[in-house]
Amino acid sequence: MRYRLSDMLRYLAAGADVVLDEGNTIKPECADVLHSLTDAARQIQVPGYGLVQMHPHSAFTITMNEDYAGTNFMNEATIDRFTPIHIAEPESIVDVLHRVVPEASAASLNICDYVYCAIRDRIRSAGGLEPDAMTIRGFIDALRAEPLLGLRWGLLDNVASKPQDAYTRLQLTEL
């Protein structure tokens, strides 16, 4: 019986770029398998298959959201193989929301942005909300639900109700 090569390895051998989305949800011991692909050797020995050489034009990109539930710290050996690009949270989400939900009114976009800024400021303040209180997807879902629920209920259901702990949910409903 021979091992069937995974799509990811086939793509890397053929010259494709691979994006490992939410890479910090991978258990560190599983990420170790990628080390030989991401160091100077750019190859991996696959038991039951053989040596797989990564194409010179192939690349790995790992995306991650820090401090999310279910995420892990990446070990130093893995971190050392990638160049970090830190993207700051936006000061306003009007443009993002408008691109994703173009049918949303300017008034609704501004209300969502106001709530976003209030949450962001509470997260930044000492003793404030935890980062998991923020959800850009929640604002998108609220705008999409607006025709059925109205924006207030859309925000309550999709933004204020997202955090797992009751105290944070209560704080968000009071904004």
C-alpha atoms as a PDB file:
ATOM      1  CA  MET A   1       0.000   0.000   0.000  1.00  0.00           C
ATOM      2  CA  ARG A   2       1.351   3.409  -0.984  1.00  0.00           C
ATOM      3  CA  TYR A   3       0.629   6.703   0.656  1.00  0.00           C
ATOM      4  CA  ARG A   4      -1.474   9.073  -1.435  1.00  0.00           C
ATOM      5  CA  LEU A   5       0.180  12.475  -1.440  1.00  0.00           C
ATOM      6  CA  SER A   6      -1.934  15.240   0.119  1.00  0.00           C
ATOM      7  CA  ASP A   7      -3.139  18.141  -2.001  1.00  0.00           C
ATOM      8  CA  MET A   8      -0.989  20.547  -0.007  1.00  0.00           C
ATOM      9  CA  LEU A   9       2.199  18.618  -0.774  1.00  0.00           C
ATOM     10  CA  ARG A  10       1.252  18.171  -4.426  1.00  0.00           C
ATOM     11  CA  TYR A  11       0.671  21.916  -4.740  1.00  0.00           C
ATOM     12  CA  LEU A  12       3.968  22.771  -3.037  1.00  0.00           C
ATOM     13  CA  ALA A  13       5.855  20.419  -5.358  1.00  0.00           C
ATOM     14  CA  ALA A  14       4.145  22.015  -8.381  1.00  0.00           C
ATOM     15  CA  GLY A  15       5.008  25.621  -7.484  1.00  0.00           C
ATOM     16  CA  ALA A  16       1.869  26.843  -5.742  1.00  0.00           C
ATOM     17  CA  ASP A  17       1.634  29.025  -2.663  1.00  0.00           C
ATOM     18  CA  VAL A  18      -0.090  27.505   0.357  1.00  0.00           C
ATOM     19  CA  VAL A  19      -1.960  29.533   2.962  1.00  0.00           C
ATOM     20  CA  LEU A  20      -2.423  27.899   6.350  1.00  0.00           C
ATOM     21  CA  ASP A  21      -5.312  29.932   7.692  1.00  0.00           C
ATOM     22  CA  GLU A  22      -5.497  30.239  11.483  1.00  0.00           C
ATOM     23  CA  GLY A  23      -2.094  28.559  11.743  1.00  0.00           C
ATOM     24  CA  ASN A  24      -1.946  29.024  15.499  1.00  0.00           C
ATOM     25  CA  THR A  25      -4.806  26.547  15.902  1.00  0.00           C
ATOM     26  CA  ILE A  26      -2.423  23.831  14.696  1.00  0.00           C
ATOM     27  CA  LYS A  27      -0.956  21.883  17.591  1.00  0.00           C
ATOM     28  CA  PRO A  28       2.763  22.704  17.904  1.00  0.00           C
ATOM     29  CA  GLU A  29       3.776  19.059  17.473  1.00  0.00           C
ATOM     30  CA  CYS A  30       1.904  19.000  14.140  1.00  0.00           C
ATOM     31  CA  ALA A  31       3.551  22.226  12.974  1.00  0.00           C
ATOM     32  CA  ASP A  32       6.936  20.566  13.535  1.00  0.00           C
ATOM     33  CA  VAL A  33       6.254  18.391  10.485  1.00  0.00           C
ATOM     34  CA  LEU A  34       6.462  21.508   8.313  1.00  0.00           C
ATOM     35  CA  HIS A  35       9.928  22.503   9.506  1.00  0.00           C
ATOM     36  CA  SER A  36      11.866  20.584   6.856  1.00  0.00           C
ATOM     37  CA  LEU A  37       9.701  22.209   4.172  1.00  0.00           C
ATOM     38  CA  THR A  38      10.248  25.699   5.515  1.00  0.00           C
ATOM     39  CA  ASP A  39      13.975  25.581   6.171  1.00  0.00           C
ATOM     40  CA  ALA A  40      16.838  25.493   3.662  1.00  0.00           C
ATOM     41  CA  ALA A  41      16.144  21.853   2.713  1.00  0.00           C
ATOM     42  CA  ARG A  42      12.632  22.678   1.368  1.00  0.00           C
ATOM     43  CA  GLN A  43      11.775  18.998   1.307  1.00  0.00           C
ATOM     44  CA  ILE A  44      10.005  16.403   3.398  1.00  0.00           C
ATOM     45  CA  GLN A  45      10.347  12.648   3.661  1.00  0.00           C
ATOM     46  CA  VAL A  46       6.853  11.148   3.572  1.00  0.00           C
ATOM     47  CA  PRO A  47       6.679   7.617   5.004  1.00  0.00           C
ATOM     48  CA  GLY A  48       5.198   5.233   2.461  1.00  0.00           C
ATOM     49  CA  TYR A  49       5.699   7.737  -0.362  1.00  0.00           C
ATOM     50  CA  GLY A  50       9.235   9.094  -0.425  1.00  0.00           C
ATOM     51  CA  LEU A  51      10.913  12.454  -0.701  1.00  0.00           C
ATOM     52  CA  VAL A  52       8.814  15.466  -1.707  1.00  0.00           C
ATOM     53  CA  GLN A  53      10.810  18.484  -2.882  1.00  0.00           C
ATOM     54  CA  MET A  54       9.179  21.899  -2.539  1.00  0.00           C
ATOM     55  CA  HIS A  55       9.244  23.895  -5.785  1.00  0.00           C
ATOM     56  CA  PRO A  56      11.588  26.926  -5.691  1.00  0.00           C
ATOM     57  CA  HIS A  57       8.659  29.283  -6.329  1.00  0.00           C
ATOM     58  CA  SER A  58       6.347  27.775  -3.697  1.00  0.00           C
ATOM     59  CA  ALA A  59       5.789  29.602  -0.439  1.00  0.00           C
ATOM     60  CA  PHE A  60       3.943  29.163   2.840  1.00  0.00           C
ATOM     61  CA  THR A  61       1.849  31.870   4.438  1.00  0.00           C
ATOM     62  CA  ILE A  62       0.381  31.410   7.891  1.00  0.00           C
ATOM     63  CA  THR A  63      -2.412  33.672   9.074  1.00  0.00           C
ATOM     64  CA  MET A  64      -3.380  33.866  12.709  1.00  0.00           C
ATOM     65  CA  ASN A  65      -5.435  35.812  15.173  1.00  0.00           C
ATOM     66  CA  GLU A  66      -3.675  36.119  18.483  1.00  0.00           C
ATOM     67  CA  ASP A  67      -5.479  35.600  21.782  1.00  0.00           C
ATOM     68  CA  TYR A  68      -8.475  33.786  20.302  1.00  0.00           C
ATOM     69  CA  ALA A  69      -9.979  30.835  22.130  1.00  0.00           C
ATOM     70  CA  GLY A  70      -8.564  27.566  20.833  1.00  0.00           C
ATOM     71  CA  THR A  71      -5.306  29.072  19.615  1.00  0.00           C
ATOM     72  CA  ASN A  72      -1.833  27.961  20.668  1.00  0.00           C
ATOM     73  CA  PHE A  73       1.487  29.681  21.025  1.00  0.00           C
ATOM     74  CA  MET A  74       3.648  28.716  18.093  1.00  0.00           C
ATOM     75  CA  ASN A  75       7.021  27.295  19.071  1.00  0.00           C
ATOM     76  CA  GLU A  76      10.206  29.244  18.360  1.00  0.00           C
ATOM     77  CA  ALA A  77      11.321  26.881  15.594  1.00  0.00           C
ATOM     78  CA  THR A  78       8.098  27.513  13.677  1.00  0.00           C
ATOM     79  CA  ILE A  79       8.059  31.267  14.311  1.00  0.00           C
ATOM     80  CA  ASP A  80      11.688  31.533  13.167  1.00  0.00           C
ATOM     81  CA  ARG A  81      10.748  30.227   9.706  1.00  0.00           C
ATOM     82  CA  PHE A  82       8.249  32.998   8.935  1.00  0.00           C
ATOM     83  CA  THR A  83       8.323  36.783   8.706  1.00  0.00           C
ATOM     84  CA  PRO A  84       5.609  38.341  10.868  1.00  0.00           C
ATOM     85  CA  ILE A  85       3.388  41.048   9.468  1.00  0.00           C
ATOM     86  CA  HIS A  86       1.336  42.620  12.233  1.00  0.00           C
ATOM     87  CA  ILE A  87      -1.789  44.386  11.076  1.00  0.00           C
ATOM     88  CA  ALA A  88      -3.263  46.853  13.513  1.00  0.00           C
ATOM     89  CA  GLU A  89      -6.972  46.963  14.063  1.00  0.00           C
ATOM     90  CA  PRO A  90      -8.607  49.675  11.997  1.00  0.00           C
ATOM     91  CA  GLU A  91      -9.681  52.931  13.585  1.00  0.00           C
ATOM     92  CA  SER A  92     -12.935  52.664  11.629  1.00  0.00           C
ATOM     93  CA  ILE A  93     -14.723  49.720  10.003  1.00  0.00           C
ATOM     94  CA  VAL A  94     -17.044  51.698   7.713  1.00  0.00           C
ATOM     95  CA  ASP A  95     -15.009  50.895   4.571  1.00  0.00           C
ATOM     96  CA  VAL A  96     -14.696  47.204   5.444  1.00  0.00           C
ATOM     97  CA  LEU A  97     -18.408  46.875   6.156  1.00  0.00           C
ATOM     98  CA  HIS A  98     -19.366  48.793   3.017  1.00  0.00           C
ATOM     99  CA  ARG A  99     -17.225  46.498   0.831  1.00  0.00           C
ATOM    100  CA  VAL A 100     -18.776  43.361   2.330  1.00  0.00           C
ATOM    101  CA  VAL A 101     -22.356  44.637   2.698  1.00  0.00           C
ATOM    102  CA  PRO A 102     -22.682  47.265  -0.068  1.00  0.00           C
ATOM    103  CA  GLU A 103     -26.457  47.490   0.329  1.00  0.00           C
ATOM    104  CA  ALA A 104     -26.148  48.756   3.933  1.00  0.00           C
ATOM    105  CA  SER A 105     -27.170  52.379   4.433  1.00  0.00           C
ATOM    106  CA  ALA A 106     -24.663  55.020   5.483  1.00  0.00           C
ATOM    107  CA  ALA A 107     -26.610  55.477   8.729  1.00  0.00           C
ATOM    108  CA  SER A 108     -26.364  51.764   9.581  1.00  0.00           C
ATOM    109  CA  LEU A 109     -22.664  51.685   8.705  1.00  0.00           C
ATOM    110  CA  ASN A 110     -22.042  54.665  10.980  1.00  0.00           C
ATOM    111  CA  ILE A 111     -23.981  53.087  13.861  1.00  0.00           C
ATOM    112  CA  CYS A 112     -21.944  49.883  13.508  1.00  0.00           C
ATOM    113  CA  ASP A 113     -18.753  51.938  13.421  1.00  0.00           C
ATOM    114  CA  TYR A 114     -19.795  53.836  16.558  1.00  0.00           C
ATOM    115  CA  VAL A 115     -20.414  50.552  18.419  1.00  0.00           C
ATOM    116  CA  TYR A 116     -17.142  49.112  17.067  1.00  0.00           C
ATOM    117  CA  CYS A 117     -15.209  52.150  18.337  1.00  0.00           C
ATOM    118  CA  ALA A 118     -16.899  51.911  21.739  1.00  0.00           C
ATOM    119  CA  ILE A 119     -15.946  48.221  22.049  1.00  0.00           C
ATOM    120  CA  ARG A 120     -12.399  48.883  20.804  1.00  0.00           C
ATOM    121  CA  ASP A 121     -11.942  51.695  23.336  1.00  0.00           C
ATOM    122  CA  ARG A 122     -13.236  49.468  26.168  1.00  0.00           C
ATOM    123  CA  ILE A 123     -10.781  46.738  25.132  1.00  0.00           C
ATOM    124  CA  ARG A 124      -7.892  49.229  25.123  1.00  0.00           C
ATOM    125  CA  SER A 125      -8.767  50.675  28.538  1.00  0.00           C
ATOM    126  CA  ALA A 126      -7.226  49.286  31.711  1.00  0.00           C
ATOM    127  CA  GLY A 127      -9.476  46.640  33.190  1.00  0.00           C
ATOM    128  CA  GLY A 128     -11.710  46.815  30.145  1.00  0.00           C
ATOM    129  CA  LEU A 129     -13.186  44.173  27.902  1.00  0.00           C
ATOM    130  CA  GLU A 130     -11.241  41.151  26.714  1.00  0.00           C
ATOM    131  CA  PRO A 131     -10.215  41.095  23.022  1.00  0.00           C
ATOM    132  CA  ASP A 132     -12.702  38.291  22.308  1.00  0.00           C
ATOM    133  CA  ALA A 133     -15.468  40.866  22.793  1.00  0.00           C
ATOM    134  CA  MET A 134     -14.672  42.173  19.293  1.00  0.00           C
ATOM    135  CA  THR A 135     -16.156  40.540  16.214  1.00  0.00           C
ATOM    136  CA  ILE A 136     -16.004  42.161  12.786  1.00  0.00           C
ATOM    137  CA  ARG A 137     -17.982  39.209  11.403  1.00  0.00           C
ATOM    138  CA  GLY A 138     -20.674  40.021  13.941  1.00  0.00           C
ATOM    139  CA  PHE A 139     -21.101  43.512  12.483  1.00  0.00           C
ATOM    140  CA  ILE A 140     -21.313  42.040   8.978  1.00  0.00           C
ATOM    141  CA  ASP A 141     -23.941  39.550  10.147  1.00  0.00           C
ATOM    142  CA  ALA A 142     -25.858  42.325  11.926  1.00  0.00           C
ATOM    143  CA  LEU A 143     -26.016  44.385   8.734  1.00  0.00           C
ATOM    144  CA  ARG A 144     -27.144  41.359   6.744  1.00  0.00           C
ATOM    145  CA  ALA A 145     -29.825  40.609   9.348  1.00  0.00           C
ATOM    146  CA  GLU A 146     -31.035  44.216   9.469  1.00  0.00           C
ATOM    147  CA  PRO A 147     -33.814  43.768   6.854  1.00  0.00           C
ATOM    148  CA  LEU A 148     -35.328  40.972   8.968  1.00  0.00           C
ATOM    149  CA  LEU A 149     -34.533  42.017  12.535  1.00  0.00           C
ATOM    150  CA  GLY A 150     -33.672  45.696  12.425  1.00  0.00           C
ATOM    151  CA  LEU A 151     -30.165  46.890  13.197  1.00  0.00           C
ATOM    152  CA  ARG A 152     -30.591  47.002  16.988  1.00  0.00           C
ATOM    153  CA  TRP A 153     -31.575  43.325  17.210  1.00  0.00           C
ATOM    154  CA  GLY A 154     -28.996  42.420  14.586  1.00  0.00           C
ATOM    155  CA  LEU A 155     -26.287  43.983  16.754  1.00  0.00           C
ATOM    156  CA  LEU A 156     -27.605  42.391  19.934  1.00  0.00           C
ATOM    157  CA  ASP A 157     -27.765  38.929  18.352  1.00  0.00           C
ATOM    158  CA  ASN A 158     -24.560  39.047  16.318  1.00  0.00           C
ATOM    159  CA  VAL A 159     -22.224  41.304  18.298  1.00  0.00           C
ATOM    160  CA  ALA A 160     -23.347  41.455  21.935  1.00  0.00           C
ATOM    161  CA  SER A 161     -24.228  37.747  22.110  1.00  0.00           C
ATOM    162  CA  LYS A 162     -20.933  36.435  20.643  1.00  0.00           C
ATOM    163  CA  PRO A 163     -18.685  36.362  23.741  1.00  0.00           C
ATOM    164  CA  GLN A 164     -18.809  33.159  25.729  1.00  0.00           C
ATOM    165  CA  ASP A 165     -19.041  34.691  29.187  1.00  0.00           C
ATOM    166  CA  ALA A 166     -22.240  36.286  30.464  1.00  0.00           C
ATOM    167  CA  TYR A 167     -20.513  39.302  32.043  1.00  0.00           C
ATOM    168  CA  THR A 168     -18.958  40.405  28.738  1.00  0.00           C
ATOM    169  CA  ARG A 169     -22.271  39.888  26.944  1.00  0.00           C
ATOM    170  CA  LEU A 170     -23.970  42.091  29.551  1.00  0.00           C
ATOM    171  CA  GLN A 171     -21.329  44.814  29.143  1.00  0.00           C
ATOM    172  CA  LEU A 172     -21.820  44.790  25.370  1.00  0.00           C
ATOM    173  CA  THR A 173     -25.592  45.104  25.633  1.00  0.00           C
ATOM    174  CA  GLU A 174     -25.082  48.226  27.751  1.00  0.00           C
ATOM    175  CA  LEU A 175     -23.060  50.087  25.089  1.00  0.00           C
END
